[in-house]
N, C-alpha and C. Protein backbone atom coordinates (compact mmCIF):
# COMPACT_ATOMS: atom_id res chain seq x y z
N UNK A 1 43.22 -17.58 -82.06
CA UNK A 1 43.41 -16.88 -80.72
C UNK A 1 43.03 -15.54 -80.75
N UNK A 2 42.43 -15.58 -79.46
CA UNK A 2 42.38 -13.82 -79.53
C UNK A 2 43.91 -12.99 -78.91
N UNK A 3 44.38 -12.14 -79.31
CA UNK A 3 45.60 -11.53 -78.58
C UNK A 3 45.49 -10.55 -77.23
N UNK A 4 46.60 -10.58 -76.88
CA UNK A 4 47.05 -9.88 -75.49
C UNK A 4 46.36 -8.85 -75.64
N UNK A 5 46.26 -7.77 -76.54
CA UNK A 5 45.84 -6.61 -76.77
C UNK A 5 44.42 -6.92 -76.34
N UNK A 6 43.75 -7.72 -77.32
CA UNK A 6 42.01 -7.46 -77.47
C UNK A 6 41.68 -7.89 -75.82
N UNK A 7 42.49 -8.56 -75.45
CA UNK A 7 42.24 -9.11 -73.51
C UNK A 7 42.53 -8.25 -72.80
N UNK A 8 43.54 -7.39 -73.19
CA UNK A 8 43.39 -6.36 -72.60
C UNK A 8 42.27 -5.16 -72.49
N UNK A 9 41.94 -4.72 -73.58
CA UNK A 9 41.11 -3.89 -73.97
C UNK A 9 39.47 -4.73 -73.53
N UNK A 10 39.22 -5.65 -73.91
CA UNK A 10 38.05 -5.72 -72.83
C UNK A 10 38.13 -5.90 -71.70
N UNK A 11 39.65 -6.44 -71.11
CA UNK A 11 39.64 -5.70 -69.66
C UNK A 11 39.16 -4.31 -68.74
N UNK A 12 39.64 -3.40 -70.07
CA UNK A 12 39.63 -2.16 -69.62
C UNK A 12 38.13 -1.12 -69.77
N UNK A 13 37.35 -2.15 -70.50
CA UNK A 13 35.63 -2.15 -70.72
C UNK A 13 35.25 -2.56 -69.67
N UNK A 14 35.52 -3.28 -69.29
CA UNK A 14 34.90 -4.21 -68.20
C UNK A 14 35.64 -3.39 -66.74
N UNK A 15 36.47 -2.59 -67.19
CA UNK A 15 37.19 -1.65 -65.58
C UNK A 15 37.69 -3.31 -64.76
N UNK A 16 38.27 -3.61 -65.39
CA UNK A 16 39.02 -4.80 -64.41
C UNK A 16 40.57 -4.58 -64.74
N UNK A 17 41.25 -5.13 -63.62
CA UNK A 17 42.68 -4.80 -63.67
C UNK A 17 43.33 -6.42 -63.44
N UNK A 18 43.84 -6.60 -64.53
CA UNK A 18 44.55 -7.80 -64.65
C UNK A 18 46.16 -7.71 -64.66
N UNK A 19 46.66 -8.93 -64.40
CA UNK A 19 48.40 -8.84 -64.38
C UNK A 19 48.44 -9.30 -65.50
N UNK A 20 49.70 -9.25 -65.75
CA UNK A 20 50.19 -9.76 -67.14
C UNK A 20 49.57 -11.74 -67.26
N UNK A 21 49.91 -12.33 -66.10
CA UNK A 21 49.47 -13.77 -65.61
C UNK A 21 47.74 -13.66 -66.10
N UNK A 22 47.39 -13.14 -65.19
CA UNK A 22 45.57 -13.07 -65.70
C UNK A 22 45.72 -12.65 -66.78
N UNK A 23 46.08 -11.83 -67.83
CA UNK A 23 45.90 -11.65 -69.42
C UNK A 23 46.45 -12.91 -69.74
N UNK A 24 47.51 -13.72 -70.17
CA UNK A 24 47.72 -15.20 -70.59
C UNK A 24 46.57 -16.14 -70.22
N UNK A 25 46.11 -15.90 -69.00
CA UNK A 25 44.70 -16.88 -68.36
C UNK A 25 43.35 -16.81 -69.90
N UNK A 26 43.30 -15.64 -69.39
CA UNK A 26 42.09 -15.26 -70.27
C UNK A 26 42.28 -15.09 -71.61
N UNK A 27 43.25 -15.15 -72.06
CA UNK A 27 43.65 -14.74 -73.77
C UNK A 27 43.56 -16.91 -73.92
N UNK A 28 43.87 -17.30 -73.12
CA UNK A 28 43.84 -19.18 -73.02
C UNK A 28 42.01 -19.45 -73.39
N UNK A 29 41.36 -18.64 -72.31
CA UNK A 29 40.28 -19.38 -71.98
C UNK A 29 39.02 -18.39 -72.69
N UNK A 30 39.57 -17.40 -73.21
CA UNK A 30 38.24 -16.83 -74.44
C UNK A 30 38.84 -17.39 -75.40
N UNK A 31 39.48 -17.79 -76.17
CA UNK A 31 39.93 -18.07 -77.22
C UNK A 31 38.88 -19.50 -77.81
N UNK A 32 38.50 -20.43 -76.58
CA UNK A 32 37.96 -21.39 -77.15
C UNK A 32 36.35 -21.03 -77.12
N UNK A 33 36.13 -20.62 -76.37
CA UNK A 33 34.62 -19.96 -76.25
C UNK A 33 34.35 -18.70 -77.68
N UNK A 34 35.18 -18.10 -77.89
CA UNK A 34 34.68 -17.16 -78.83
C UNK A 34 34.99 -18.03 -80.59
N UNK A 35 35.84 -19.28 -80.67
CA UNK A 35 35.59 -20.15 -81.24
C UNK A 35 34.26 -20.56 -82.10
N UNK A 36 33.63 -21.12 -80.11
CA UNK A 36 32.45 -21.67 -80.30
C UNK A 36 31.69 -20.54 -80.95
N UNK A 37 31.44 -19.45 -80.45
CA UNK A 37 30.28 -18.45 -81.29
C UNK A 37 30.95 -18.68 -82.49
N UNK A 38 32.01 -18.32 -83.48
CA UNK A 38 31.78 -18.62 -84.56
C UNK A 38 31.02 -19.50 -84.96
N UNK A 39 31.14 -20.78 -84.59
CA UNK A 39 30.41 -22.05 -85.51
C UNK A 39 29.34 -22.04 -85.14
N UNK A 40 28.25 -21.08 -83.59
CA UNK A 40 27.13 -20.83 -83.74
C UNK A 40 26.88 -20.00 -85.00
N UNK A 41 27.47 -19.10 -85.68
CA UNK A 41 27.32 -18.20 -86.58
C UNK A 41 26.68 -18.76 -87.58
N UNK A 42 27.79 -19.82 -87.97
CA UNK A 42 27.47 -20.31 -89.33
C UNK A 42 26.33 -21.77 -89.17
N UNK A 43 25.42 -21.72 -88.26
CA UNK A 43 24.16 -22.79 -87.92
C UNK A 43 23.68 -22.33 -88.75
N UNK A 44 22.55 -23.21 -89.84
CA UNK A 44 21.71 -22.76 -90.38
C UNK A 44 20.30 -22.80 -89.48
N UNK A 45 20.38 -21.26 -89.81
CA UNK A 45 18.64 -21.12 -88.62
C UNK A 45 17.56 -20.49 -89.13
N UNK A 46 17.65 -20.39 -90.72
CA UNK A 46 16.22 -19.74 -91.67
C UNK A 46 15.12 -21.05 -91.05
N UNK A 47 14.16 -20.32 -90.83
CA UNK A 47 12.88 -20.82 -90.60
C UNK A 47 12.48 -21.32 -89.00
N UNK A 48 13.23 -21.01 -88.41
CA UNK A 48 13.70 -21.24 -86.76
C UNK A 48 12.85 -19.95 -86.39
N UNK A 49 11.70 -19.94 -85.25
CA UNK A 49 11.11 -18.77 -84.57
C UNK A 49 12.08 -18.64 -83.45
N UNK A 50 12.42 -16.61 -83.57
CA UNK A 50 13.23 -16.71 -81.84
C UNK A 50 11.49 -16.79 -81.05
N UNK A 51 12.82 -17.49 -79.82
CA UNK A 51 11.79 -17.64 -78.68
C UNK A 51 12.38 -17.08 -77.52
N UNK A 52 12.03 -16.75 -76.81
CA UNK A 52 12.36 -15.77 -74.99
C UNK A 52 12.82 -16.80 -74.24
N UNK A 53 12.13 -18.33 -74.32
CA UNK A 53 12.22 -19.25 -73.49
C UNK A 53 11.40 -20.64 -73.72
N UNK A 54 11.81 -21.76 -73.46
CA UNK A 54 11.54 -22.88 -73.59
C UNK A 54 10.67 -23.66 -73.74
N UNK A 55 9.61 -22.76 -72.58
CA UNK A 55 8.36 -23.50 -72.70
C UNK A 55 7.56 -22.54 -73.02
N UNK A 56 6.27 -22.83 -73.75
CA UNK A 56 5.49 -21.56 -74.01
C UNK A 56 4.41 -21.19 -72.86
N UNK A 57 4.19 -19.96 -72.52
CA UNK A 57 3.85 -20.13 -70.87
C UNK A 57 3.30 -18.32 -70.86
N UNK A 58 2.14 -18.73 -71.25
CA UNK A 58 1.25 -17.13 -71.28
C UNK A 58 1.18 -16.45 -69.84
N UNK A 59 0.95 -15.53 -69.67
CA UNK A 59 0.94 -14.48 -68.41
C UNK A 59 -0.97 -14.70 -68.13
N UNK A 60 -1.03 -15.05 -67.18
CA UNK A 60 -2.40 -15.13 -66.34
C UNK A 60 -2.78 -13.90 -65.82
N UNK A 61 -3.79 -13.29 -66.63
CA UNK A 61 -4.08 -11.70 -66.19
C UNK A 61 -5.42 -11.50 -65.46
N UNK A 62 -6.01 -10.81 -64.35
CA UNK A 62 -6.99 -10.06 -64.37
C UNK A 62 -7.15 -8.69 -63.86
N UNK A 63 -8.49 -8.37 -63.54
CA UNK A 63 -8.48 -7.19 -63.32
C UNK A 63 -8.17 -7.10 -61.97
N UNK A 64 -7.99 -5.77 -61.86
CA UNK A 64 -7.79 -5.95 -59.71
C UNK A 64 -8.84 -5.11 -59.32
N UNK A 65 -9.65 -5.94 -58.71
CA UNK A 65 -11.15 -5.22 -57.94
C UNK A 65 -10.82 -5.57 -56.66
N UNK A 66 -11.94 -3.90 -56.01
CA UNK A 66 -11.44 -3.90 -54.44
C UNK A 66 -12.73 -5.14 -53.95
N UNK A 67 -12.34 -5.77 -53.10
CA UNK A 67 -13.52 -6.97 -52.43
C UNK A 67 -13.51 -6.30 -51.54
N UNK A 68 -14.58 -5.60 -51.23
CA UNK A 68 -14.64 -5.11 -49.52
C UNK A 68 -15.47 -6.20 -49.11
N UNK A 69 -15.92 -7.05 -49.27
CA UNK A 69 -17.03 -7.90 -48.92
C UNK A 69 -16.33 -9.37 -49.20
N UNK A 70 -14.96 -9.41 -49.05
CA UNK A 70 -14.28 -10.98 -49.49
C UNK A 70 -14.00 -11.15 -47.98
N UNK A 71 -13.86 -10.29 -46.90
CA UNK A 71 -13.87 -10.77 -45.55
C UNK A 71 -15.11 -10.60 -44.72
N UNK A 72 -15.12 -11.12 -44.20
CA UNK A 72 -16.81 -11.57 -43.29
C UNK A 72 -16.79 -10.00 -42.38
N UNK A 73 -18.09 -9.87 -42.23
CA UNK A 73 -18.48 -7.99 -41.19
C UNK A 73 -17.54 -8.33 -39.89
N UNK A 74 -18.31 -9.49 -39.39
CA UNK A 74 -17.93 -9.80 -38.36
C UNK A 74 -16.40 -9.95 -37.79
N UNK A 75 -15.83 -10.74 -38.63
CA UNK A 75 -14.10 -10.78 -38.66
C UNK A 75 -13.48 -9.39 -38.05
N UNK A 76 -13.95 -8.68 -39.36
CA UNK A 76 -13.14 -7.46 -39.60
C UNK A 76 -13.33 -6.55 -38.64
N UNK A 77 -14.51 -6.30 -38.08
CA UNK A 77 -14.64 -5.51 -36.43
C UNK A 77 -14.05 -6.30 -35.70
N UNK A 78 -14.04 -7.30 -35.35
CA UNK A 78 -13.15 -7.94 -34.39
C UNK A 78 -11.33 -7.80 -34.67
N UNK A 79 -11.07 -7.56 -35.99
CA UNK A 79 -9.68 -7.49 -36.27
C UNK A 79 -9.42 -6.06 -35.67
N UNK A 80 -10.50 -5.36 -36.13
CA UNK A 80 -10.51 -3.23 -35.61
C UNK A 80 -10.71 -3.35 -34.27
N UNK A 81 -11.13 -4.20 -33.37
CA UNK A 81 -11.36 -3.90 -32.12
C UNK A 81 -10.47 -4.24 -31.49
N UNK A 82 -9.39 -5.27 -31.93
CA UNK A 82 -7.80 -5.78 -31.22
C UNK A 82 -6.92 -5.03 -31.41
N UNK A 83 -7.17 -4.22 -32.39
CA UNK A 83 -6.06 -3.16 -33.19
C UNK A 83 -5.35 -2.13 -31.74
N UNK A 84 -4.48 -2.11 -31.73
CA UNK A 84 -4.57 -0.57 -30.80
C UNK A 84 -3.94 0.65 -31.08
N UNK A 85 -4.12 0.48 -32.81
CA UNK A 85 -4.11 1.82 -33.70
C UNK A 85 -4.73 1.96 -34.87
N UNK A 86 -6.50 2.69 -35.17
CA UNK A 86 -6.76 2.25 -36.36
C UNK A 86 -7.33 3.74 -37.00
N UNK A 87 -7.70 3.93 -38.04
CA UNK A 87 -8.03 4.85 -38.05
C UNK A 87 -9.12 4.83 -38.86
N UNK A 88 -10.83 5.44 -38.47
CA UNK A 88 -11.90 4.90 -39.32
C UNK A 88 -11.91 3.14 -39.84
N UNK A 89 -12.26 2.69 -40.93
CA UNK A 89 -12.10 1.28 -40.95
C UNK A 89 -10.87 0.28 -41.46
N UNK A 90 -9.31 1.14 -40.88
CA UNK A 90 -8.32 0.77 -41.06
C UNK A 90 -7.27 0.60 -39.81
N UNK A 91 -6.65 -0.58 -40.37
CA UNK A 91 -5.13 -0.75 -39.00
C UNK A 91 -4.59 0.17 -39.61
N UNK A 92 -4.09 0.85 -38.63
CA UNK A 92 -2.65 1.91 -38.51
C UNK A 92 -1.43 0.97 -38.47
N UNK A 93 -0.70 0.94 -39.35
CA UNK A 93 1.01 0.40 -38.56
C UNK A 93 1.90 1.75 -38.86
N UNK A 94 2.92 1.07 -38.23
CA UNK A 94 3.95 1.72 -38.75
C UNK A 94 4.74 2.01 -39.99
N UNK A 95 5.34 3.66 -39.94
CA UNK A 95 6.00 3.79 -41.21
C UNK A 95 7.05 2.51 -41.48
N UNK A 96 7.29 2.24 -43.05
CA UNK A 96 8.14 1.18 -43.25
C UNK A 96 9.56 2.06 -43.46
N UNK A 97 9.42 3.38 -44.37
CA UNK A 97 10.59 3.70 -44.24
C UNK A 97 11.14 4.89 -43.08
């Protein structure tokens, strides 16, 4: 069983102000959690590879490339014509910040 002093110390580290009733409640609630962690520490894990995710996923990467030709020129020109404000071949938009 975790002591009241330990609960108060943990609360101080977490910058929590606890009443005496809350200290008693956390004392009762934290003890089973810590007991379970002690059980887990005794588990046989030799030969088990550490993992960060249960499903093996590989990140798909590609090179960043500028694709000027990806938009047909006629559509780009039409968009520029409809734009209220532009600079060279770029649309000018309001600042975000």
